[in-house]
């Protein structure tokens, strides 16, 4: 059973994870510019303060 996992299942899982990551990174090209930008840090700090208050 371990032999089957090492020869067939593990490589397929590695390739699938790689393809999903590649797809996620490539999808940023098609997003509008405002969605592809990093999240503003100042708003996140205010939001965290509101959560704890």
Protein backbone atom coordinates (compact mmCIF):
# COMPACT_ATOMS: atom_id res chain seq x y z
CA UNK A 1 0.00 0.00 0.00
CA UNK A 2 2.84 2.41 0.85
CA UNK A 3 4.52 1.57 -2.46
CA UNK A 4 1.31 2.47 -4.33
CA UNK A 5 1.08 5.77 -2.44
CA UNK A 6 4.71 6.72 -3.14
CA UNK A 7 4.65 5.80 -6.82
CA UNK A 8 1.23 7.03 -7.90
CA UNK A 9 -0.77 9.00 -5.35
CA UNK A 10 1.92 11.31 -3.89
CA UNK A 11 3.22 12.57 -7.27
CA UNK A 12 -0.33 13.25 -8.45
CA UNK A 13 -1.04 15.20 -5.26
CA UNK A 14 2.14 17.25 -5.67
CA UNK A 15 1.28 18.09 -9.29
CA UNK A 16 -2.31 18.98 -8.36
CA UNK A 17 -1.17 21.32 -5.58
CA UNK A 18 1.31 22.95 -7.96
CA UNK A 19 -1.37 23.43 -10.63
CA UNK A 20 -3.84 24.93 -8.15
CA UNK A 21 -1.18 27.37 -6.92
CA UNK A 22 -0.24 28.27 -10.50
CA UNK A 23 -3.91 28.85 -11.36
CA UNK A 24 -4.40 31.05 -8.28
CA UNK A 25 -1.38 33.19 -9.13
CA UNK A 26 -2.30 33.39 -12.81
CA UNK A 27 -5.87 34.43 -11.99
CA UNK A 28 -4.53 37.74 -10.62
CA UNK A 29 -3.83 38.84 -14.21
CA UNK A 30 -7.56 38.84 -14.97
CA UNK A 31 -8.65 40.63 -11.80
CA UNK A 32 -9.43 44.35 -11.90
CA UNK A 33 -6.53 46.45 -10.64
CA UNK A 34 -8.27 47.42 -7.39
CA UNK A 35 -8.76 43.75 -6.46
CA UNK A 36 -5.22 42.72 -7.39
CA UNK A 37 -3.67 45.37 -5.12
CA UNK A 38 -2.51 44.41 -1.62
CA UNK A 39 -4.98 45.03 1.17
CA UNK A 40 -4.58 48.43 2.86
CA UNK A 41 -2.93 47.89 6.25
CA UNK A 42 -4.43 50.92 8.02
CA UNK A 43 -8.01 49.72 7.58
CA UNK A 44 -7.10 46.29 8.93
CA UNK A 45 -5.64 47.84 12.09
CA UNK A 46 -8.83 49.86 12.66
CA UNK A 47 -10.92 46.74 12.10
CA UNK A 48 -8.91 44.75 14.65
CA UNK A 49 -9.32 47.55 17.17
CA UNK A 50 -13.08 47.55 16.64
CA UNK A 51 -13.20 43.79 17.17
CA UNK A 52 -11.47 43.94 20.56
CA UNK A 53 -13.27 47.04 21.78
